[in-house]
């Protein structure tokens, strides 16, 4: 068990909580959100436990770039044909619920209209 034993994303990363994976490599995992706010709603999560975007440092620059470049690839693979949205919530006022940095990838007909992410 990781040092972040109470983190649901760390549990998904280690395999103790199942997920419907869309992508996985040595740096990140992407999986379908269990409470989707859009027809396509993926989460891209780094294997490194970084609580919030504001906690990222210069050493995470490559990882953050990788996550953002992965978003359009995954959106297209999942069927997003007319655009998509990328969201990173940061802190309580930013709507963050799980304190392990993650990128939401949302797609479908206006998924963000009237829906919380």
PDB file of N, CA and C in Angstrom:
ATOM      1  N   UNK A   1       0.858  -1.183   0.000  1.00  0.00           N
ATOM      2  CA  UNK A   1       0.000   0.000   0.000  1.00  0.00           C
ATOM      3  C   UNK A   1       0.897   1.236   0.000  1.00  0.00           C
ATOM      4  N   UNK A   2       0.499   2.253  -0.736  1.00  0.00           N
ATOM      5  CA  UNK A   2       1.310   3.463  -0.852  1.00  0.00           C
ATOM      6  C   UNK A   2       1.237   4.281   0.431  1.00  0.00           C
ATOM      7  N   UNK A   3       2.095   5.296   0.524  1.00  0.00           N
ATOM      8  CA  UNK A   3       2.061   6.187   1.684  1.00  0.00           C
ATOM      9  C   UNK A   3       0.804   7.058   1.668  1.00  0.00           C
ATOM     10  N   UNK A   4       0.099   7.070   0.564  1.00  0.00           N
ATOM     11  CA  UNK A   4      -1.143   7.835   0.433  1.00  0.00           C
ATOM     12  C   UNK A   4      -2.317   6.855   0.452  1.00  0.00           C
ATOM     13  N   UNK A   5      -2.379   6.065   1.504  1.00  0.00           N
ATOM     14  CA  UNK A   5      -3.324   4.945   1.598  1.00  0.00           C
ATOM     15  C   UNK A   5      -4.777   5.372   1.497  1.00  0.00           C
ATOM     16  N   UNK A   6      -5.079   6.619   1.836  1.00  0.00           N
ATOM     17  CA  UNK A   6      -6.463   7.073   1.787  1.00  0.00           C
ATOM     18  C   UNK A   6      -6.839   7.684   0.435  1.00  0.00           C
ATOM     19  N   UNK A   7      -5.914   7.718  -0.513  1.00  0.00           N
ATOM     20  CA  UNK A   7      -6.157   8.336  -1.822  1.00  0.00           C
ATOM     21  C   UNK A   7      -6.784   7.321  -2.777  1.00  0.00           C
ATOM     22  N   UNK A   8      -7.988   7.609  -3.230  1.00  0.00           N
ATOM     23  CA  UNK A   8      -8.695   6.692  -4.124  1.00  0.00           C
ATOM     24  C   UNK A   8      -7.944   6.494  -5.443  1.00  0.00           C
ATOM     25  N   UNK A   9      -7.307   7.533  -5.963  1.00  0.00           N
ATOM     26  CA  UNK A   9      -6.567   7.377  -7.212  1.00  0.00           C
ATOM     27  C   UNK A   9      -5.313   6.528  -7.013  1.00  0.00           C
ATOM     28  N   UNK A  10      -4.652   6.643  -5.861  1.00  0.00           N
ATOM     29  CA  UNK A  10      -3.511   5.767  -5.585  1.00  0.00           C
ATOM     30  C   UNK A  10      -3.981   4.313  -5.521  1.00  0.00           C
ATOM     31  N   UNK A  11      -5.162   4.077  -4.960  1.00  0.00           N
ATOM     32  CA  UNK A  11      -5.703   2.716  -4.895  1.00  0.00           C
ATOM     33  C   UNK A  11      -6.026   2.192  -6.292  1.00  0.00           C
ATOM     34  N   UNK A  12      -6.535   3.056  -7.166  1.00  0.00           N
ATOM     35  CA  UNK A  12      -6.786   2.662  -8.559  1.00  0.00           C
ATOM     36  C   UNK A  12      -5.459   2.353  -9.249  1.00  0.00           C
ATOM     37  N   UNK A  13      -4.456   3.195  -9.026  1.00  0.00           N
ATOM     38  CA  UNK A  13      -3.141   2.990  -9.642  1.00  0.00           C
ATOM     39  C   UNK A  13      -2.503   1.675  -9.210  1.00  0.00           C
ATOM     40  N   UNK A  14      -2.685   1.303  -7.965  1.00  0.00           N
ATOM     41  CA  UNK A  14      -2.074   0.049  -7.488  1.00  0.00           C
ATOM     42  C   UNK A  14      -2.946  -1.170  -7.774  1.00  0.00           C
ATOM     43  N   UNK A  15      -4.176  -0.946  -8.261  1.00  0.00           N
ATOM     44  CA  UNK A  15      -5.037  -2.050  -8.653  1.00  0.00           C
ATOM     45  C   UNK A  15      -5.964  -2.574  -7.581  1.00  0.00           C
ATOM     46  N   UNK A  16      -5.987  -1.946  -6.407  1.00  0.00           N
ATOM     47  CA  UNK A  16      -6.877  -2.437  -5.350  1.00  0.00           C
ATOM     48  C   UNK A  16      -8.320  -1.953  -5.534  1.00  0.00           C
ATOM     49  N   UNK A  17      -8.515  -0.953  -6.380  1.00  0.00           N
ATOM     50  CA  UNK A  17      -9.849  -0.527  -6.800  1.00  0.00           C
ATOM     51  C   UNK A  17      -9.882  -0.645  -8.320  1.00  0.00           C
ATOM     52  N   UNK A  18     -10.865  -1.355  -8.863  1.00  0.00           N
ATOM     53  CA  UNK A  18     -10.919  -1.519 -10.317  1.00  0.00           C
ATOM     54  C   UNK A  18     -11.326  -0.233 -11.027  1.00  0.00           C
ATOM     55  N   UNK A  19     -10.920  -0.136 -12.277  1.00  0.00           N
ATOM     56  CA  UNK A  19     -11.316   1.002 -13.116  1.00  0.00           C
ATOM     57  C   UNK A  19     -11.451   0.509 -14.549  1.00  0.00           C
ATOM     58  N   UNK A  20     -12.162   1.282 -15.333  1.00  0.00           N
ATOM     59  CA  UNK A  20     -12.295   0.974 -16.761  1.00  0.00           C
ATOM     60  C   UNK A  20     -11.254   1.815 -17.493  1.00  0.00           C
ATOM     61  N   UNK A  21     -10.099   1.220 -17.727  1.00  0.00           N
ATOM     62  CA  UNK A  21      -8.950   1.937 -18.273  1.00  0.00           C
ATOM     63  C   UNK A  21      -9.131   2.256 -19.753  1.00  0.00           C
ATOM     64  N   UNK A  22      -8.643   3.440 -20.113  1.00  0.00           N
ATOM     65  CA  UNK A  22      -8.595   3.855 -21.511  1.00  0.00           C
ATOM     66  C   UNK A  22      -7.150   3.934 -21.991  1.00  0.00           C
ATOM     67  N   UNK A  23      -6.208   4.054 -21.044  1.00  0.00           N
ATOM     68  CA  UNK A  23      -4.792   4.200 -21.389  1.00  0.00           C
ATOM     69  C   UNK A  23      -3.972   3.962 -20.127  1.00  0.00           C
ATOM     70  N   UNK A  24      -2.756   3.461 -20.331  1.00  0.00           N
ATOM     71  CA  UNK A  24      -1.850   3.262 -19.205  1.00  0.00           C
ATOM     72  C   UNK A  24      -0.427   3.181 -19.720  1.00  0.00           C
ATOM     73  N   UNK A  25       0.490   3.840 -19.023  1.00  0.00           N
ATOM     74  CA  UNK A  25       1.916   3.696 -19.296  1.00  0.00           C
ATOM     75  C   UNK A  25       2.672   3.884 -17.988  1.00  0.00           C
ATOM     76  N   UNK A  26       3.981   4.048 -18.071  1.00  0.00           N
ATOM     77  CA  UNK A  26       4.798   4.150 -16.861  1.00  0.00           C
ATOM     78  C   UNK A  26       4.585   5.440 -16.082  1.00  0.00           C
ATOM     79  N   UNK A  27       3.986   6.467 -16.705  1.00  0.00           N
ATOM     80  CA  UNK A  27       3.812   7.765 -16.052  1.00  0.00           C
ATOM     81  C   UNK A  27       2.380   8.070 -15.628  1.00  0.00           C
ATOM     82  N   UNK A  28       1.410   7.595 -16.399  1.00  0.00           N
ATOM     83  CA  UNK A  28       0.010   7.980 -16.176  1.00  0.00           C
ATOM     84  C   UNK A  28      -0.927   6.804 -16.412  1.00  0.00           C
ATOM     85  N   UNK A  29      -2.138   6.985 -15.933  1.00  0.00           N
ATOM     86  CA  UNK A  29      -3.237   6.090 -16.258  1.00  0.00           C
ATOM     87  C   UNK A  29      -4.425   6.985 -16.614  1.00  0.00           C
ATOM     88  N   UNK A  30      -5.228   6.537 -17.550  1.00  0.00           N
ATOM     89  CA  UNK A  30      -6.463   7.249 -17.902  1.00  0.00           C
ATOM     90  C   UNK A  30      -7.598   6.241 -17.804  1.00  0.00           C
ATOM     91  N   UNK A  31      -8.680   6.667 -17.174  1.00  0.00           N
ATOM     92  CA  UNK A  31      -9.821   5.774 -16.995  1.00  0.00           C
ATOM     93  C   UNK A  31     -11.116   6.570 -17.053  1.00  0.00           C
ATOM     94  N   UNK A  32     -12.203   5.864 -17.245  1.00  0.00           N
ATOM     95  CA  UNK A  32     -13.523   6.486 -17.327  1.00  0.00           C
ATOM     96  C   UNK A  32     -13.989   6.889 -15.930  1.00  0.00           C
ATOM     97  N   UNK A  33     -14.514   8.101 -15.815  1.00  0.00           N
ATOM     98  CA  UNK A  33     -15.040   8.591 -14.546  1.00  0.00           C
ATOM     99  C   UNK A  33     -16.267   7.774 -14.153  1.00  0.00           C
ATOM    100  N   UNK A  34     -16.385   7.408 -12.876  1.00  0.00           N
ATOM    101  CA  UNK A  34     -17.538   6.607 -12.442  1.00  0.00           C
ATOM    102  C   UNK A  34     -18.802   7.448 -12.296  1.00  0.00           C
ATOM    103  N   UNK A  35     -18.646   8.775 -12.264  1.00  0.00           N
ATOM    104  CA  UNK A  35     -19.801   9.683 -12.253  1.00  0.00           C
ATOM    105  C   UNK A  35     -19.626  10.678 -13.404  1.00  0.00           C
ATOM    106  N   UNK A  36     -19.808  10.208 -14.631  1.00  0.00           N
ATOM    107  CA  UNK A  36     -19.511  11.071 -15.781  1.00  0.00           C
ATOM    108  C   UNK A  36     -20.416  12.298 -15.847  1.00  0.00           C
ATOM    109  N   UNK A  37     -19.793  13.415 -16.198  1.00  0.00           N
ATOM    110  CA  UNK A  37     -20.501  14.672 -16.402  1.00  0.00           C
ATOM    111  C   UNK A  37     -20.705  14.950 -17.885  1.00  0.00           C
ATOM    112  N   UNK A  38     -20.379  13.968 -18.713  1.00  0.00           N
ATOM    113  CA  UNK A  38     -20.496  14.095 -20.166  1.00  0.00           C
ATOM    114  C   UNK A  38     -20.534  12.691 -20.755  1.00  0.00           C
ATOM    115  N   UNK A  39     -21.001  12.553 -21.998  1.00  0.00           N
ATOM    116  CA  UNK A  39     -21.004  11.236 -22.634  1.00  0.00           C
ATOM    117  C   UNK A  39     -19.627  10.572 -22.644  1.00  0.00           C
ATOM    118  N   UNK A  40     -18.584  11.350 -22.834  1.00  0.00           N
ATOM    119  CA  UNK A  40     -17.207  10.881 -22.696  1.00  0.00           C
ATOM    120  C   UNK A  40     -16.594  11.674 -21.553  1.00  0.00           C
ATOM    121  N   UNK A  41     -16.150  10.974 -20.522  1.00  0.00           N
ATOM    122  CA  UNK A  41     -15.542  11.645 -19.370  1.00  0.00           C
ATOM    123  C   UNK A  41     -14.421  10.756 -18.846  1.00  0.00           C
ATOM    124  N   UNK A  42     -13.207  11.120 -19.200  1.00  0.00           N
ATOM    125  CA  UNK A  42     -12.014  10.395 -18.763  1.00  0.00           C
ATOM    126  C   UNK A  42     -11.259  11.214 -17.727  1.00  0.00           C
ATOM    127  N   UNK A  43     -10.504  10.523 -16.903  1.00  0.00           N
ATOM    128  CA  UNK A  43      -9.579  11.159 -15.975  1.00  0.00           C
ATOM    129  C   UNK A  43      -8.180  10.686 -16.331  1.00  0.00           C
ATOM    130  N   UNK A  44      -7.265  11.619 -16.483  1.00  0.00           N
ATOM    131  CA  UNK A  44      -5.859  11.299 -16.708  1.00  0.00           C
ATOM    132  C   UNK A  44      -5.147  11.591 -15.389  1.00  0.00           C
ATOM    133  N   UNK A  45      -4.533  10.559 -14.806  1.00  0.00           N
ATOM    134  CA  UNK A  45      -3.956  10.652 -13.466  1.00  0.00           C
ATOM    135  C   UNK A  45      -2.483  10.258 -13.518  1.00  0.00           C
ATOM    136  N   UNK A  46      -1.607  11.103 -12.986  1.00  0.00           N
ATOM    137  CA  UNK A  46      -0.192  10.716 -12.947  1.00  0.00           C
ATOM    138  C   UNK A  46       0.049   9.660 -11.872  1.00  0.00           C
ATOM    139  N   UNK A  47       1.014   8.800 -12.117  1.00  0.00           N
ATOM    140  CA  UNK A  47       1.364   7.802 -11.099  1.00  0.00           C
ATOM    141  C   UNK A  47       1.988   8.482  -9.878  1.00  0.00           C
ATOM    142  N   UNK A  48       2.691   9.569 -10.095  1.00  0.00           N
ATOM    143  CA  UNK A  48       3.252  10.331  -8.975  1.00  0.00           C
ATOM    144  C   UNK A  48       2.108  11.007  -8.226  1.00  0.00           C
ATOM    145  N   UNK A  49       2.132  10.893  -6.906  1.00  0.00           N
ATOM    146  CA  UNK A  49       1.084  11.520  -6.102  1.00  0.00           C
ATOM    147  C   UNK A  49       1.420  13.001  -5.910  1.00  0.00           C
ATOM    148  N   UNK A  50       0.795  13.825  -6.733  1.00  0.00           N
ATOM    149  CA  UNK A  50       0.911  15.278  -6.642  1.00  0.00           C
ATOM    150  C   UNK A  50      -0.480  15.736  -6.215  1.00  0.00           C
ATOM    151  N   UNK A  51      -0.644  16.285  -5.010  1.00  0.00           N
ATOM    152  CA  UNK A  51      -1.990  16.588  -4.524  1.00  0.00           C
ATOM    153  C   UNK A  51      -2.782  17.550  -5.410  1.00  0.00           C
ATOM    154  N   UNK A  52      -2.161  18.642  -5.833  1.00  0.00           N
ATOM    155  CA  UNK A  52      -2.872  19.648  -6.628  1.00  0.00           C
ATOM    156  C   UNK A  52      -1.940  20.211  -7.699  1.00  0.00           C
ATOM    157  N   UNK A  53      -2.524  20.847  -8.692  1.00  0.00           N
ATOM    158  CA  UNK A  53      -1.719  21.492  -9.729  1.00  0.00           C
ATOM    159  C   UNK A  53      -0.757  22.496  -9.110  1.00  0.00           C
ATOM    160  N   UNK A  54      -1.196  23.223  -8.103  1.00  0.00           N
ATOM    161  CA  UNK A  54      -0.325  24.224  -7.479  1.00  0.00           C
ATOM    162  C   UNK A  54       0.874  23.582  -6.764  1.00  0.00           C
ATOM    163  N   UNK A  55       0.834  22.273  -6.551  1.00  0.00           N
ATOM    164  CA  UNK A  55       1.958  21.568  -5.938  1.00  0.00           C
ATOM    165  C   UNK A  55       2.979  21.089  -6.971  1.00  0.00           C
ATOM    166  N   UNK A  56       2.635  21.172  -8.243  1.00  0.00           N
ATOM    167  CA  UNK A  56       3.570  20.755  -9.297  1.00  0.00           C
ATOM    168  C   UNK A  56       4.743  21.733  -9.346  1.00  0.00           C
ATOM    169  N   UNK A  57       5.904  21.178  -9.692  1.00  0.00           N
ATOM    170  CA  UNK A  57       7.116  21.989  -9.770  1.00  0.00           C
ATOM    171  C   UNK A  57       7.728  21.832 -11.162  1.00  0.00           C
ATOM    172  N   UNK A  58       8.850  22.475 -11.364  1.00  0.00           N
ATOM    173  CA  UNK A  58       9.541  22.387 -12.649  1.00  0.00           C
ATOM    174  C   UNK A  58       9.882  20.939 -12.994  1.00  0.00           C
ATOM    175  N   UNK A  59      10.100  20.091 -12.006  1.00  0.00           N
ATOM    176  CA  UNK A  59      10.420  18.686 -12.281  1.00  0.00           C
ATOM    177  C   UNK A  59       9.237  17.934 -12.886  1.00  0.00           C
ATOM    178  N   UNK A  60       8.036  18.480 -12.775  1.00  0.00           N
ATOM    179  CA  UNK A  60       6.835  17.848 -13.323  1.00  0.00           C
ATOM    180  C   UNK A  60       6.457  18.378 -14.710  1.00  0.00           C
ATOM    181  N   UNK A  61       7.262  19.264 -15.266  1.00  0.00           N
ATOM    182  CA  UNK A  61       6.938  19.899 -16.543  1.00  0.00           C
ATOM    183  C   UNK A  61       6.682  18.884 -17.657  1.00  0.00           C
ATOM    184  N   UNK A  62       7.546  17.901 -17.805  1.00  0.00           N
ATOM    185  CA  UNK A  62       7.368  16.882 -18.845  1.00  0.00           C
ATOM    186  C   UNK A  62       6.092  16.080 -18.615  1.00  0.00           C
ATOM    187  N   UNK A  63       5.831  15.724 -17.368  1.00  0.00           N
ATOM    188  CA  UNK A  63       4.638  14.952 -17.023  1.00  0.00           C
ATOM    189  C   UNK A  63       3.368  15.737 -17.333  1.00  0.00           C
ATOM    190  N   UNK A  64       3.330  17.009 -16.963  1.00  0.00           N
ATOM    191  CA  UNK A  64       2.151  17.833 -17.244  1.00  0.00           C
ATOM    192  C   UNK A  64       1.934  17.990 -18.746  1.00  0.00           C
ATOM    193  N   UNK A  65       3.013  18.195 -19.482  1.00  0.00           N
ATOM    194  CA  UNK A  65       2.906  18.284 -20.940  1.00  0.00           C
ATOM    195  C   UNK A  65       2.395  16.988 -21.536  1.00  0.00           C
ATOM    196  N   UNK A  66       2.885  15.882 -21.038  1.00  0.00           N
ATOM    197  CA  UNK A  66       2.430  14.574 -21.516  1.00  0.00           C
ATOM    198  C   UNK A  66       0.939  14.405 -21.284  1.00  0.00           C
ATOM    199  N   UNK A  67       0.463  14.791 -20.097  1.00  0.00           N
ATOM    200  CA  UNK A  67      -0.959  14.646 -19.774  1.00  0.00           C
ATOM    201  C   UNK A  67      -1.823  15.489 -20.720  1.00  0.00           C
ATOM    202  N   UNK A  68      -1.394  16.709 -20.984  1.00  0.00           N
ATOM    203  CA  UNK A  68      -2.183  17.575 -21.868  1.00  0.00           C
ATOM    204  C   UNK A  68      -2.129  17.117 -23.319  1.00  0.00           C
ATOM    205  N   UNK A  69      -1.016  16.579 -23.764  1.00  0.00           N
ATOM    206  CA  UNK A  69      -0.937  16.062 -25.129  1.00  0.00           C
ATOM    207  C   UNK A  69      -1.695  14.744 -25.293  1.00  0.00           C
ATOM    208  N   UNK A  70      -1.854  14.014 -24.207  1.00  0.00           N
ATOM    209  CA  UNK A  70      -2.613  12.773 -24.236  1.00  0.00           C
ATOM    210  C   UNK A  70      -4.122  13.035 -24.347  1.00  0.00           C
ATOM    211  N   UNK A  71      -4.583  14.159 -23.816  1.00  0.00           N
ATOM    212  CA  UNK A  71      -6.020  14.480 -23.796  1.00  0.00           C
ATOM    213  C   UNK A  71      -6.663  14.439 -25.189  1.00  0.00           C
ATOM    214  N   UNK A  72      -6.142  15.121 -26.217  1.00  0.00           N
ATOM    215  CA  UNK A  72      -6.797  15.057 -27.529  1.00  0.00           C
ATOM    216  C   UNK A  72      -6.725  13.678 -28.168  1.00  0.00           C
ATOM    217  N   UNK A  73      -5.646  12.954 -27.926  1.00  0.00           N
ATOM    218  CA  UNK A  73      -5.514  11.605 -28.464  1.00  0.00           C
ATOM    219  C   UNK A  73      -6.612  10.704 -27.891  1.00  0.00           C
ATOM    220  N   UNK A  74      -6.778  10.742 -26.580  1.00  0.00           N
ATOM    221  CA  UNK A  74      -7.792   9.905 -25.937  1.00  0.00           C
ATOM    222  C   UNK A  74      -9.201  10.348 -26.298  1.00  0.00           C
ATOM    223  N   UNK A  75      -9.427  11.657 -26.371  1.00  0.00           N
ATOM    224  CA  UNK A  75     -10.755  12.163 -26.748  1.00  0.00           C
ATOM    225  C   UNK A  75     -11.136  11.625 -28.124  1.00  0.00           C
ATOM    226  N   UNK A  76     -10.210  11.691 -29.061  1.00  0.00           N
ATOM    227  CA  UNK A  76     -10.480  11.187 -30.412  1.00  0.00           C
ATOM    228  C   UNK A  76     -10.728   9.681 -30.394  1.00  0.00           C
ATOM    229  N   UNK A  77      -9.903   8.937 -29.674  1.00  0.00           N
ATOM    230  CA  UNK A  77     -10.080   7.484 -29.591  1.00  0.00           C
ATOM    231  C   UNK A  77     -11.431   7.091 -28.993  1.00  0.00           C
ATOM    232  N   UNK A  78     -11.941   7.924 -28.093  1.00  0.00           N
ATOM    233  CA  UNK A  78     -13.215   7.624 -27.435  1.00  0.00           C
ATOM    234  C   UNK A  78     -14.416   8.118 -28.238  1.00  0.00           C
ATOM    235  N   UNK A  79     -14.163   8.775 -29.374  1.00  0.00           N
ATOM    236  CA  UNK A  79     -15.253   9.177 -30.259  1.00  0.00           C
ATOM    237  C   UNK A  79     -15.613  10.645 -30.251  1.00  0.00           C
ATOM    238  N   UNK A  80     -14.806  11.472 -29.624  1.00  0.00           N
ATOM    239  CA  UNK A  80     -15.073  12.912 -29.628  1.00  0.00           C
ATOM    240  C   UNK A  80     -14.770  13.452 -31.013  1.00  0.00           C
ATOM    241  N   UNK A  81     -15.807  13.759 -31.768  1.00  0.00           N
ATOM    242  CA  UNK A  81     -15.601  14.206 -33.126  1.00  0.00           C
ATOM    243  C   UNK A  81     -15.791  15.690 -33.343  1.00  0.00           C
ATOM    244  N   UNK A  82     -16.342  16.365 -32.348  1.00  0.00           N
ATOM    245  CA  UNK A  82     -16.671  17.772 -32.544  1.00  0.00           C
ATOM    246  C   UNK A  82     -16.112  18.641 -31.424  1.00  0.00           C
ATOM    247  N   UNK A  83     -14.985  18.217 -30.865  1.00  0.00           N
ATOM    248  CA  UNK A  83     -14.346  18.978 -29.801  1.00  0.00           C
ATOM    249  C   UNK A  83     -14.444  18.288 -28.458  1.00  0.00           C
ATOM    250  N   UNK A  84     -13.733  18.847 -27.504  1.00  0.00           N
ATOM    251  CA  UNK A  84     -13.696  18.303 -26.151  1.00  0.00           C
ATOM    252  C   UNK A  84     -13.270  19.410 -25.204  1.00  0.00           C
ATOM    253  N   UNK A  85     -13.380  19.128 -23.911  1.00  0.00           N
ATOM    254  CA  UNK A  85     -12.992  20.088 -22.890  1.00  0.00           C
ATOM    255  C   UNK A  85     -11.981  19.419 -21.969  1.00  0.00           C
ATOM    256  N   UNK A  86     -10.993  20.190 -21.512  1.00  0.00           N
ATOM    257  CA  UNK A  86     -10.002  19.720 -20.554  1.00  0.00           C
ATOM    258  C   UNK A  86     -10.122  20.596 -19.314  1.00  0.00           C
ATOM    259  N   UNK A  87     -10.240  19.953 -18.141  1.00  0.00           N
ATOM    260  CA  UNK A  87     -10.432  20.687 -16.890  1.00  0.00           C
ATOM    261  C   UNK A  87      -9.490  20.130 -15.835  1.00  0.00           C
ATOM    262  N   UNK A  88      -8.851  21.039 -15.088  1.00  0.00           N
ATOM    263  CA  UNK A  88      -8.083  20.667 -13.897  1.00  0.00           C
ATOM    264  C   UNK A  88      -8.634  21.497 -12.746  1.00  0.00           C
ATOM    265  N   UNK A  89      -9.294  20.840 -11.805  1.00  0.00           N
ATOM    266  CA  UNK A  89      -9.788  21.528 -10.619  1.00  0.00           C
ATOM    267  C   UNK A  89      -8.646  21.595  -9.610  1.00  0.00           C
ATOM    268  N   UNK A  90      -8.536  22.731  -8.909  1.00  0.00           N
ATOM    269  CA  UNK A  90      -7.437  22.920  -7.972  1.00  0.00           C
ATOM    270  C   UNK A  90      -7.954  23.506  -6.663  1.00  0.00           C
ATOM    271  N   UNK A  91      -7.891  22.712  -5.614  1.00  0.00           N
ATOM    272  CA  UNK A  91      -8.284  23.178  -4.289  1.00  0.00           C
ATOM    273  C   UNK A  91      -9.789  23.228  -4.088  1.00  0.00           C
ATOM    274  N   UNK A  92     -10.215  23.505  -2.861  1.00  0.00           N
ATOM    275  CA  UNK A  92     -11.641  23.483  -2.545  1.00  0.00           C
ATOM    276  C   UNK A  92     -12.469  24.502  -3.335  1.00  0.00           C
ATOM    277  N   UNK A  93     -11.955  25.702  -3.502  1.00  0.00           N
ATOM    278  CA  UNK A  93     -12.709  26.701  -4.263  1.00  0.00           C
ATOM    279  C   UNK A  93     -12.680  26.418  -5.764  1.00  0.00           C
ATOM    280  N   UNK A  94     -11.748  25.580  -6.196  1.00  0.00           N
ATOM    281  CA  UNK A  94     -11.669  25.177  -7.598  1.00  0.00           C
ATOM    282  C   UNK A  94     -12.473  23.929  -7.895  1.00  0.00           C
ATOM    283  N   UNK A  95     -13.160  23.392  -6.888  1.00  0.00           N
ATOM    284  CA  UNK A  95     -14.010  22.229  -7.091  1.00  0.00           C
ATOM    285  C   UNK A  95     -13.291  20.894  -7.008  1.00  0.00           C
ATOM    286  N   UNK A  96     -12.062  20.870  -6.514  1.00  0.00           N
ATOM    287  CA  UNK A  96     -11.322  19.605  -6.430  1.00  0.00           C
ATOM    288  C   UNK A  96     -11.905  18.733  -5.329  1.00  0.00           C
ATOM    289  N   UNK A  97     -12.174  17.474  -5.665  1.00  0.00           N
ATOM    290  CA  UNK A  97     -12.719  16.526  -4.693  1.00  0.00           C
ATOM    291  C   UNK A  97     -11.705  15.469  -4.284  1.00  0.00           C
ATOM    292  N   UNK A  98     -10.865  15.044  -5.211  1.00  0.00           N
ATOM    293  CA  UNK A  98      -9.826  14.050  -4.918  1.00  0.00           C
ATOM    294  C   UNK A  98      -8.487  14.778  -5.000  1.00  0.00           C
ATOM    295  N   UNK A  99      -7.720  14.722  -3.901  1.00  0.00           N
ATOM    296  CA  UNK A  99      -6.475  15.460  -3.842  1.00  0.00           C
ATOM    297  C   UNK A  99      -5.301  14.620  -4.344  1.00  0.00           C
ATOM    298  N   UNK A 100      -5.403  14.294  -5.619  1.00  0.00           N
ATOM    299  CA  UNK A 100      -4.347  13.679  -6.429  1.00  0.00           C
ATOM    300  C   UNK A 100      -4.575  14.311  -7.795  1.00  0.00           C
ATOM    301  N   UNK A 101      -3.622  15.099  -8.242  1.00  0.00           N
ATOM    302  CA  UNK A 101      -3.756  15.823  -9.507  1.00  0.00           C
ATOM    303  C   UNK A 101      -4.365  14.941 -10.588  1.00  0.00           C
ATOM    304  N   UNK A 102      -5.318  15.468 -11.321  1.00  0.00           N
ATOM    305  CA  UNK A 102      -5.920  14.732 -12.431  1.00  0.00           C
ATOM    306  C   UNK A 102      -6.516  15.710 -13.429  1.00  0.00           C
ATOM    307  N   UNK A 103      -6.562  15.261 -14.677  1.00  0.00           N
ATOM    308  CA  UNK A 103      -7.108  16.046 -15.774  1.00  0.00           C
ATOM    309  C   UNK A 103      -8.405  15.387 -16.227  1.00  0.00           C
ATOM    310  N   UNK A 104      -9.483  16.172 -16.254  1.00  0.00           N
ATOM    311  CA  UNK A 104     -10.753  15.686 -16.804  1.00  0.00           C
ATOM    312  C   UNK A 104     -10.748  15.938 -18.305  1.00  0.00           C
ATOM    313  N   UNK A 105     -11.152  14.950 -19.081  1.00  0.00           N
ATOM    314  CA  UNK A 105     -11.345  15.095 -20.519  1.00  0.00           C
ATOM    315  C   UNK A 105     -12.818  14.794 -20.772  1.00  0.00           C
ATOM    316  N   UNK A 106     -13.559  15.818 -21.213  1.00  0.00           N
ATOM    317  CA  UNK A 106     -15.003  15.697 -21.416  1.00  0.00           C
ATOM    318  C   UNK A 106     -15.348  15.954 -22.871  1.00  0.00           C
ATOM    319  N   UNK A 107     -16.247  15.149 -23.393  1.00  0.00           N
ATOM    320  CA  UNK A 107     -16.651  15.327 -24.787  1.00  0.00           C
ATOM    321  C   UNK A 107     -18.073  14.830 -24.970  1.00  0.00           C
ATOM    322  N   UNK A 108     -18.624  15.225 -26.074  1.00  0.00           N
ATOM    323  CA  UNK A 108     -20.005  14.910 -26.389  1.00  0.00           C
ATOM    324  C   UNK A 108     -20.734  16.218 -26.620  1.00  0.00           C
ATOM    325  N   UNK A 109     -22.012  16.145 -26.906  1.00  0.00           N
ATOM    326  CA  UNK A 109     -22.767  17.363 -27.174  1.00  0.00           C
ATOM    327  C   UNK A 109     -22.824  18.279 -25.957  1.00  0.00           C
ATOM    328  N   UNK A 110     -22.040  19.335 -25.970  1.00  0.00           N
ATOM    329  CA  UNK A 110     -22.011  20.354 -24.924  1.00  0.00           C
ATOM    330  C   UNK A 110     -22.062  19.744 -23.527  1.00  0.00           C
ATOM    331  N   UNK A 111     -21.087  18.910 -23.172  1.00  0.00           N
ATOM    332  CA  UNK A 111     -21.160  18.198 -21.889  1.00  0.00           C
ATOM    333  C   UNK A 111     -21.121  19.114 -20.679  1.00  0.00           C
ATOM    334  N   UNK A 112     -20.513  20.279 -20.793  1.00  0.00           N
ATOM    335  CA  UNK A 112     -20.345  21.148 -19.638  1.00  0.00           C
ATOM    336  C   UNK A 112     -21.545  22.048 -19.390  1.00  0.00           C
ATOM    337  N   UNK A 113     -22.499  22.103 -20.303  1.00  0.00           N
ATOM    338  CA  UNK A 113     -23.644  22.985 -20.140  1.00  0.00           C
ATOM    339  C   UNK A 113     -24.555  22.467 -19.015  1.00  0.00           C
ATOM    340  N   UNK A 114     -24.551  23.173 -17.904  1.00  0.00           N
ATOM    341  CA  UNK A 114     -25.410  22.815 -16.788  1.00  0.00           C
ATOM    342  C   UNK A 114     -24.924  21.649 -15.957  1.00  0.00           C
ATOM    343  N   UNK A 115     -23.669  21.222 -16.135  1.00  0.00           N
ATOM    344  CA  UNK A 115     -23.152  20.087 -15.371  1.00  0.00           C
ATOM    345  C   UNK A 115     -21.896  20.506 -14.617  1.00  0.00           C
ATOM    346  N   UNK A 116     -21.792  20.026 -13.396  1.00  0.00           N
ATOM    347  CA  UNK A 116     -20.576  20.255 -12.617  1.00  0.00           C
ATOM    348  C   UNK A 116     -19.540  19.220 -13.037  1.00  0.00           C
ATOM    349  N   UNK A 117     -18.283  19.612 -12.967  1.00  0.00           N
ATOM    350  CA  UNK A 117     -17.187  18.694 -13.302  1.00  0.00           C
ATOM    351  C   UNK A 117     -16.479  18.302 -12.034  1.00  0.00           C
TER     352      UNK A 117
END
